Amino acid sequence: MDTVKVGVVGTGFIGPAHIEALRRIPGIEVIALGASNREKAQGQAEALGIRYAYDDFNELLENPDIQAVHICTPNDLHFPMTRDALNAGKHVVCEKPLAKTTDEARQLVDLAAKTGLVNAVHFNIRFYPLMVHIRDMIASGELGEIYSIHGSYLQDWLFYPTDYNWRLEPERSGESRAIADIGSHWMDLIEFVSGLSISEVMADFATFHKIRKKPLKPVDTYAGMTLNPSDYRDVPINTEDYATVLLGFDNGARGVLTVSQVFAGRKNRLFFEIAGSKKSVAWESELPNQAWIGNRDRANEILLRDPSLVSSQSGGLINYPGGHNEGFPDTLKQLCKTVYRAIRRGKPPATPDYPTFEAGLRELVLCEKILESKNKRTWIS
């Protein structure tokens, strides 16, 4: 088996997570690491045992050995880096959002189709095994007609006014923050699992920390650092800490999504409940190896992730026996395994079994419509 050689750009939380996941898959070698400056690139490459370090993305793309690139940088760099990587003939896995606007995303969808290169967006939550099992339950009619879907995505990493990150800056992150950052994961997952499409939205946003303390020195995402008062300056905040969105689905089902990045004690909790005419199902990401199944006329059930108990497609995403828990790092590994099967073939499959740039565009469309609803304070189709 020939080794696929990869370059990863970005040294924050998610870049090294991609590297760790790729190293768990036979036949893939991360040979290059890109960062915003030479010192950071060389230091991280040495720490991670990576051969090449770059602070110039174009130089990384000129490396003829690199076949695929993972874009793990701040949002404002996703579009230009992805565009340049495709034009350089590299397959691309991009963090979400794919771009800052739907126009940029459409350009990338078109360019990817024109080049014929494999393209993927990191909607990794699809790759928890029980997500595929629940999707199969719904597709087979086990839940019956879907009546309603509700849920939330809650975090507390921006709970204090001294918590700060580039995602708070619209020029780097985009006009929406909580919806675009975590709400996009929930919406992608719900459409994937349910087989339904969100057809209309009604949104309400809130910003609780209208002024935040921006550190005058770097602080890593999720680092939880506290600096001295003299180490901050006041910055006005114009993106949402919290949002609730009423949802209408194409089959007539109704729903509601709540997202918050200032919810004390919830570190990274995605939750949903789907109510059907025969039974209901619920799942949460902080307990990812079990799903609740609700019944009217008999006892409710807890389904545990076990390859002998789930659908065959779901079982294909499980690498350990029942009782040996798998979690967030495994979803990234399973996504990459799926994408790299296509990369080995040299082109996307006719029906991709992973989230492509089309999925990235879809989430940007939804986010823009949610912003429009918030601004107009009305339902938007």
Protein backbone atom coordinates (compact mmCIF):
# COMPACT_ATOMS: atom_id res chain seq x y z
CA MET A 1 0.00 0.00 0.00
CA ASP A 2 1.45 3.34 -1.07
CA THR A 3 1.68 5.96 1.65
CA VAL A 4 -0.45 9.09 1.19
CA LYS A 5 1.55 12.15 2.28
CA VAL A 6 -0.28 15.00 3.97
CA GLY A 7 0.26 18.59 5.02
CA VAL A 8 -1.66 20.10 7.95
CA VAL A 9 -2.01 23.88 8.35
CA GLY A 10 -2.84 25.26 11.79
CA THR A 11 -1.34 24.59 15.22
CA GLY A 12 -4.22 25.43 17.57
CA PHE A 13 -6.47 22.87 19.23
CA ILE A 14 -7.81 21.21 16.09
CA GLY A 15 -4.66 20.99 13.92
CA PRO A 16 -2.84 18.57 16.24
CA ALA A 17 -6.13 16.66 16.64
CA HIS A 18 -6.16 16.07 12.87
CA ILE A 19 -2.53 14.94 13.00
CA GLU A 20 -3.23 12.48 15.81
CA ALA A 21 -6.21 11.04 13.95
CA LEU A 22 -4.29 10.67 10.69
CA ARG A 23 -1.47 8.85 12.47
CA ARG A 24 -3.95 6.22 13.65
CA ILE A 25 -4.73 5.23 10.06
CA PRO A 26 -2.28 2.93 8.24
CA GLY A 27 -0.77 4.27 5.04
CA ILE A 28 -1.00 7.97 5.86
CA GLU A 29 2.00 10.13 6.79
CA VAL A 30 1.84 13.76 7.89
CA ILE A 31 5.06 15.17 6.42
CA ALA A 32 4.42 18.93 6.67
CA LEU A 33 3.06 21.40 9.18
CA GLY A 34 2.14 25.01 8.46
CA ALA A 35 1.81 27.83 11.00
CA SER A 36 1.58 31.61 11.11
CA ASN A 37 5.27 32.15 11.85
CA ARG A 38 8.54 30.27 11.42
CA GLU A 39 9.22 29.81 15.13
CA LYS A 40 5.82 28.29 15.83
CA ALA A 41 5.98 26.08 12.75
CA GLN A 42 9.42 24.72 13.55
CA GLY A 43 8.70 24.26 17.25
CA GLN A 44 5.45 22.37 16.68
CA ALA A 45 6.90 20.29 13.84
CA GLU A 46 9.81 19.24 16.03
CA ALA A 47 7.51 18.45 18.98
CA LEU A 48 5.23 16.36 16.77
CA GLY A 49 8.00 14.67 14.77
CA ILE A 50 7.00 16.18 11.43
CA ARG A 51 9.61 16.51 8.69
CA TYR A 52 8.82 19.88 7.10
CA ALA A 53 7.77 23.17 8.74
CA TYR A 54 6.37 26.12 6.79
CA ASP A 55 5.26 29.65 7.62
CA ASP A 56 4.43 30.27 3.95
CA PHE A 57 1.41 28.31 2.70
CA ASN A 58 2.47 28.63 -0.92
CA GLU A 59 5.79 26.93 -0.11
CA LEU A 60 3.90 24.04 1.50
CA LEU A 61 1.77 23.69 -1.64
CA GLU A 62 4.90 23.61 -3.80
CA ASN A 63 6.07 20.43 -2.04
CA PRO A 64 5.44 17.79 -4.73
CA ASP A 65 5.19 14.95 -2.21
CA ILE A 66 2.10 16.38 -0.51
CA GLN A 67 -1.09 14.88 -1.93
CA ALA A 68 -3.65 16.20 0.55
CA VAL A 69 -3.94 19.27 2.76
CA HIS A 70 -5.93 19.78 5.97
CA ILE A 71 -6.98 23.40 6.57
CA CYS A 72 -7.19 23.93 10.37
CA THR A 73 -6.71 27.70 10.50
CA PRO A 74 -9.00 30.57 11.59
CA ASN A 75 -12.14 30.96 9.48
CA ASP A 76 -11.00 33.91 7.37
CA LEU A 77 -8.20 31.78 5.90
CA HIS A 78 -10.38 28.82 4.88
CA PHE A 79 -11.48 30.21 1.52
CA PRO A 80 -8.13 31.44 0.16
CA MET A 81 -6.18 28.44 1.44
CA THR A 82 -8.71 25.91 0.15
CA ARG A 83 -8.86 27.66 -3.22
CA ASP A 84 -5.08 27.71 -3.53
CA ALA A 85 -4.75 24.07 -2.44
CA LEU A 86 -7.26 22.92 -5.07
CA ASN A 87 -5.51 24.99 -7.74
CA ALA A 88 -2.25 23.32 -6.69
CA GLY A 89 -3.80 19.88 -7.30
CA LYS A 90 -4.14 18.87 -3.63
CA HIS A 91 -7.10 17.03 -2.12
CA VAL A 92 -8.56 19.12 0.73
CA VAL A 93 -10.11 18.49 4.13
CA CYS A 94 -11.27 21.84 5.54
CA GLU A 95 -12.46 22.73 9.00
CA LYS A 96 -15.90 24.29 9.14
CA PRO A 97 -17.04 26.79 8.13
CA LEU A 98 -15.90 26.16 4.57
CA ALA A 99 -15.77 29.94 4.01
CA LYS A 100 -17.14 33.15 5.50
CA THR A 101 -19.91 33.64 2.91
CA THR A 102 -22.10 31.52 0.67
CA ASP A 103 -20.55 33.19 -2.39
CA GLU A 104 -17.09 32.03 -1.37
CA ALA A 105 -18.40 28.55 -0.57
CA ARG A 106 -20.09 28.24 -3.98
CA GLN A 107 -16.81 29.17 -5.64
CA LEU A 108 -15.09 26.34 -3.77
CA VAL A 109 -17.84 23.83 -4.63
CA ASP A 110 -17.50 24.77 -8.30
CA LEU A 111 -13.69 24.67 -8.22
CA ALA A 112 -13.66 21.27 -6.51
CA ALA A 113 -16.01 19.89 -9.18
CA LYS A 114 -13.86 21.36 -11.93
CA THR A 115 -10.62 19.87 -10.54
CA GLY A 116 -12.18 16.49 -9.68
CA LEU A 117 -10.28 16.46 -6.38
CA VAL A 118 -11.54 14.92 -3.15
CA ASN A 119 -13.04 17.60 -0.90
CA ALA A 120 -14.41 17.29 2.62
CA VAL A 121 -15.56 19.44 5.53
CA HIS A 122 -14.90 18.38 9.12
CA PHE A 123 -18.44 17.64 10.29
CA ASN A 124 -17.07 14.86 12.45
CA ILE A 125 -20.09 14.33 14.72
CA ARG A 126 -21.74 12.34 11.93
CA PHE A 127 -19.10 9.69 12.60
CA TYR A 128 -20.15 8.68 16.09
CA PRO A 129 -21.37 5.14 15.35
CA LEU A 130 -24.75 5.63 16.99
CA MET A 131 -25.48 8.54 14.63
CA VAL A 132 -25.43 6.15 11.69
CA HIS A 133 -27.50 3.62 13.65
CA ILE A 134 -30.16 6.24 14.45
CA ARG A 135 -30.15 7.35 10.81
CA ASP A 136 -30.77 3.74 9.78
CA MET A 137 -33.60 3.44 12.34
CA ILE A 138 -35.32 6.49 10.87
CA ALA A 139 -34.73 5.48 7.24
CA SER A 140 -36.22 2.03 7.90
CA GLY A 141 -39.37 3.55 9.42
CA GLU A 142 -38.71 2.33 12.96
CA LEU A 143 -39.56 5.75 14.42
CA GLY A 144 -42.49 6.26 12.05
CA GLU A 145 -43.31 9.75 10.80
CA ILE A 146 -41.06 12.38 12.37
CA TYR A 147 -43.14 14.87 14.38
CA SER A 148 -40.55 17.07 16.05
CA ILE A 149 -36.83 17.54 16.71
CA HIS A 150 -35.36 19.64 19.47
CA GLY A 151 -31.95 19.98 21.04
CA SER A 152 -29.03 22.15 21.97
CA TYR A 153 -25.30 22.64 21.74
CA LEU A 154 -23.93 24.11 24.97
CA GLN A 155 -20.41 25.14 26.01
CA ASP A 156 -18.87 27.27 28.75
CA TRP A 157 -15.46 28.13 27.33
CA LEU A 158 -16.53 31.77 26.80
CA PHE A 159 -18.39 32.01 30.12
CA TYR A 160 -16.34 34.83 31.66
CA PRO A 161 -15.82 38.30 30.14
CA THR A 162 -12.09 37.57 30.35
CA ASP A 163 -12.48 34.55 28.05
CA TYR A 164 -11.28 35.58 24.61
CA ASN A 165 -10.57 34.00 21.24
CA TRP A 166 -10.31 35.05 17.59
CA ARG A 167 -13.81 33.60 17.08
CA LEU A 168 -15.16 36.70 18.83
CA GLU A 169 -13.88 38.91 16.00
CA PRO A 170 -16.29 39.06 13.00
CA GLU A 171 -13.54 40.01 10.57
CA ARG A 172 -11.85 36.67 11.31
CA SER A 173 -14.77 34.44 12.27
CA GLY A 174 -17.76 35.83 10.37
CA GLU A 175 -20.93 37.72 11.31
CA SER A 176 -22.33 34.81 13.36
CA ARG A 177 -20.39 33.09 16.14
CA ALA A 178 -22.32 30.55 18.26
CA ILE A 179 -24.66 29.49 15.46
CA ALA A 180 -21.89 29.29 12.86
CA ASP A 181 -19.39 27.64 15.21
CA ILE A 182 -21.48 25.02 16.99
CA GLY A 183 -25.00 25.39 15.66
CA SER A 184 -23.72 24.38 12.23
CA HIS A 185 -22.59 21.03 13.67
CA TRP A 186 -26.06 20.43 15.18
CA MET A 187 -27.91 21.32 11.98
CA ASP A 188 -25.63 19.23 9.78
CA LEU A 189 -26.05 16.28 12.13
CA ILE A 190 -29.84 16.58 12.34
CA GLU A 191 -30.29 16.74 8.56
CA PHE A 192 -27.89 13.78 8.18
CA VAL A 193 -29.58 11.64 10.84
CA SER A 194 -33.21 12.48 10.10
CA GLY A 195 -33.04 12.59 6.32
CA LEU A 196 -35.08 15.80 6.51
CA SER A 197 -34.19 19.30 5.36
CA ILE A 198 -34.65 22.47 7.38
CA SER A 199 -37.03 24.57 5.27
CA GLU A 200 -37.67 27.65 7.42
CA VAL A 201 -36.17 29.34 10.48
CA MET A 202 -37.09 31.91 13.13
CA ALA A 203 -34.16 33.13 15.21
CA ASP A 204 -33.43 35.08 18.39
CA PHE A 205 -29.88 36.02 19.46
CA ALA A 206 -28.39 37.45 22.67
CA THR A 207 -24.98 38.84 23.54
CA PHE A 208 -24.51 38.82 27.31
CA HIS A 209 -20.91 40.04 27.43
CA LYS A 210 -21.18 43.18 25.34
CA ILE A 211 -17.65 44.12 26.43
CA ARG A 212 -14.94 41.52 26.78
CA LYS A 213 -11.37 41.71 28.05
CA LYS A 214 -9.00 40.92 25.20
CA PRO A 215 -5.64 39.63 26.41
CA LEU A 216 -2.56 41.49 25.25
CA LYS A 217 -0.68 38.19 25.01
CA PRO A 218 -1.65 34.92 23.23
CA VAL A 219 -4.06 32.52 24.97
CA ASP A 220 -4.79 29.13 23.38
CA THR A 221 -8.35 27.96 22.75
CA TYR A 222 -9.77 26.05 25.77
CA ALA A 223 -6.62 26.91 27.75
CA GLY A 224 -8.57 28.41 30.65
CA MET A 225 -5.79 30.89 31.44
CA THR A 226 -6.38 33.89 33.73
CA LEU A 227 -4.13 36.91 33.30
CA ASN A 228 -3.55 40.03 35.39
CA PRO A 229 -5.89 43.04 34.92
CA SER A 230 -3.14 44.98 33.18
CA ASP A 231 -2.86 42.23 30.58
CA TYR A 232 -6.30 43.02 29.03
CA ARG A 233 -8.02 45.75 27.03
CA ASP A 234 -11.77 46.24 26.62
CA VAL A 235 -13.26 45.14 23.28
CA PRO A 236 -16.94 45.54 22.20
CA ILE A 237 -18.59 42.27 21.13
CA ASN A 238 -21.11 42.13 18.28
CA THR A 239 -21.55 38.36 17.83
CA GLU A 240 -23.96 36.14 19.76
CA ASP A 241 -23.18 34.30 23.00
CA TYR A 242 -26.57 32.58 22.75
CA ALA A 243 -29.21 31.80 20.12
CA THR A 244 -32.50 29.95 19.88
CA VAL A 245 -33.89 29.01 16.46
CA LEU A 246 -37.36 27.68 15.72
CA LEU A 247 -37.20 25.22 12.82
CA GLY A 248 -39.58 23.99 10.17
CA PHE A 249 -38.70 20.83 8.24
CA ASP A 250 -39.68 19.84 4.72
CA ASN A 251 -42.03 17.06 5.94
CA GLY A 252 -43.95 19.46 8.20
CA ALA A 253 -42.09 18.51 11.38
CA ARG A 254 -41.24 21.29 13.83
CA GLY A 255 -38.17 21.85 15.94
CA VAL A 256 -36.06 24.12 18.08
CA LEU A 257 -32.31 24.54 18.52
CA THR A 258 -30.60 26.38 21.39
CA VAL A 259 -26.89 27.14 21.37
CA SER A 260 -24.82 28.86 24.02
CA GLN A 261 -21.12 29.37 24.68
CA VAL A 262 -21.75 30.83 28.16
CA PHE A 263 -23.50 27.86 29.84
CA ALA A 264 -21.59 27.01 33.03
CA GLY A 265 -20.68 23.36 33.40
CA ARG A 266 -21.47 22.28 29.86
CA LYS A 267 -18.07 21.77 28.30
CA ASN A 268 -19.09 20.54 24.85
CA ARG A 269 -22.60 19.06 24.95
CA LEU A 270 -24.54 18.48 21.75
CA PHE A 271 -27.97 17.02 22.47
CA PHE A 272 -31.03 16.10 20.42
CA GLU A 273 -34.37 14.31 20.77
CA ILE A 274 -36.31 13.14 17.73
CA ALA A 275 -40.00 12.32 18.24
CA GLY A 276 -41.73 10.01 15.77
CA SER A 277 -45.19 8.51 15.45
CA LYS A 278 -43.93 5.10 16.71
CA LYS A 279 -41.10 5.92 19.11
CA SER A 280 -38.54 8.57 20.04
CA VAL A 281 -34.76 8.66 20.28
CA ALA A 282 -32.30 10.90 22.13
CA TRP A 283 -28.52 11.26 22.23
CA GLU A 284 -25.88 13.55 23.71
CA SER A 285 -22.23 13.97 22.80
CA GLU A 286 -20.90 13.88 26.37
CA LEU A 287 -22.33 10.34 26.67
CA PRO A 288 -21.69 9.28 23.08
CA ASN A 289 -21.75 5.53 23.54
CA GLN A 290 -25.43 5.27 24.43
CA ALA A 291 -28.76 6.34 22.95
CA TRP A 292 -32.15 6.57 24.68
CA ILE A 293 -35.12 5.03 22.87
CA GLY A 294 -38.57 6.09 24.09
CA ASN A 295 -41.70 3.94 23.85
CA ARG A 296 -45.35 4.61 24.76
CA ASP A 297 -46.59 1.12 25.69
CA ARG A 298 -43.51 -0.66 26.99
CA ALA A 299 -40.33 0.13 28.87
CA ASN A 300 -37.91 2.63 27.44
CA GLU A 301 -34.51 1.37 26.28
CA ILE A 302 -30.84 2.35 26.46
CA LEU A 303 -28.88 1.18 23.42
CA LEU A 304 -25.14 0.84 24.06
CA ARG A 305 -22.60 1.17 21.27
CA ASP A 306 -21.67 -2.42 20.45
CA PRO A 307 -20.85 -3.78 16.98
CA SER A 308 -23.07 -6.78 17.63
CA LEU A 309 -26.13 -4.64 18.46
CA VAL A 310 -26.12 -1.86 15.87
CA SER A 311 -26.76 -1.66 12.13
CA SER A 312 -24.06 -2.97 9.80
CA GLN A 313 -23.19 0.51 8.51
CA SER A 314 -22.88 1.80 12.05
CA GLY A 315 -20.73 -1.20 12.98
CA GLY A 316 -18.26 -0.18 10.30
CA LEU A 317 -17.39 2.89 12.39
CA ILE A 318 -16.59 0.85 15.51
CA ASN A 319 -13.04 -0.40 16.08
CA TYR A 320 -13.39 -1.69 19.65
CA PRO A 321 -15.75 -4.22 21.28
CA GLY A 322 -18.78 -3.17 23.30
CA GLY A 323 -17.82 -1.65 26.64
CA HIS A 324 -14.59 -0.21 25.21
CA ASN A 325 -15.69 3.38 24.76
CA GLU A 326 -14.88 5.49 21.73
CA GLY A 327 -15.26 9.27 21.58
CA PHE A 328 -14.40 12.56 19.88
CA PRO A 329 -10.92 11.59 18.61
CA ASP A 330 -12.40 8.47 17.04
CA THR A 331 -14.94 10.48 15.03
CA LEU A 332 -12.11 12.42 13.40
CA LYS A 333 -10.27 9.18 12.66
CA GLN A 334 -13.38 7.59 11.12
CA LEU A 335 -14.05 10.67 8.99
CA CYS A 336 -10.46 10.62 7.72
CA LYS A 337 -10.61 6.88 7.03
CA THR A 338 -13.65 7.45 4.85
CA VAL A 339 -12.19 10.46 3.03
CA TYR A 340 -8.84 8.79 2.42
CA ARG A 341 -10.49 5.81 0.75
CA ALA A 342 -11.57 8.32 -1.89
CA ILE A 343 -8.13 9.97 -1.97
CA ARG A 344 -6.53 6.59 -2.69
CA ARG A 345 -8.89 6.24 -5.65
CA GLY A 346 -7.86 9.72 -6.75
CA LYS A 347 -11.38 11.13 -7.06
CA PRO A 348 -14.63 11.49 -5.10
CA PRO A 349 -17.13 8.63 -5.26
CA ALA A 350 -20.37 9.17 -7.19
CA THR A 351 -22.22 9.33 -3.86
CA PRO A 352 -19.78 10.49 -1.17
CA ASP A 353 -20.16 8.85 2.25
CA TYR A 354 -18.55 11.85 3.96
CA PRO A 355 -19.47 15.57 4.21
CA THR A 356 -18.22 17.35 1.07
CA PHE A 357 -17.95 21.05 0.24
CA GLU A 358 -21.66 20.84 -0.64
CA ALA A 359 -22.34 20.19 3.06
CA GLY A 360 -20.18 23.18 3.94
CA LEU A 361 -22.18 25.36 1.56
CA ARG A 362 -25.46 24.05 2.99
CA GLU A 363 -24.52 25.13 6.53
CA LEU A 364 -23.49 28.59 5.36
CA VAL A 365 -26.88 28.96 3.63
CA LEU A 366 -28.66 27.99 6.85
CA CYS A 367 -26.50 30.35 8.94
CA GLU A 368 -27.13 33.27 6.58
CA LYS A 369 -30.90 32.62 6.67
CA ILE A 370 -30.80 32.45 10.48
CA LEU A 371 -28.97 35.80 10.58
CA GLU A 372 -31.57 37.24 8.21
CA SER A 373 -34.34 35.99 10.49
CA LYS A 374 -32.66 37.47 13.56
CA ASN A 375 -32.28 40.85 11.85
CA LYS A 376 -35.84 40.95 10.42
CA ARG A 377 -37.40 39.22 13.48
CA THR A 378 -39.57 36.98 11.29
CA TRP A 379 -39.73 33.49 9.74
CA ILE A 380 -37.41 33.05 6.76
CA SER A 381 -37.76 30.26 4.19
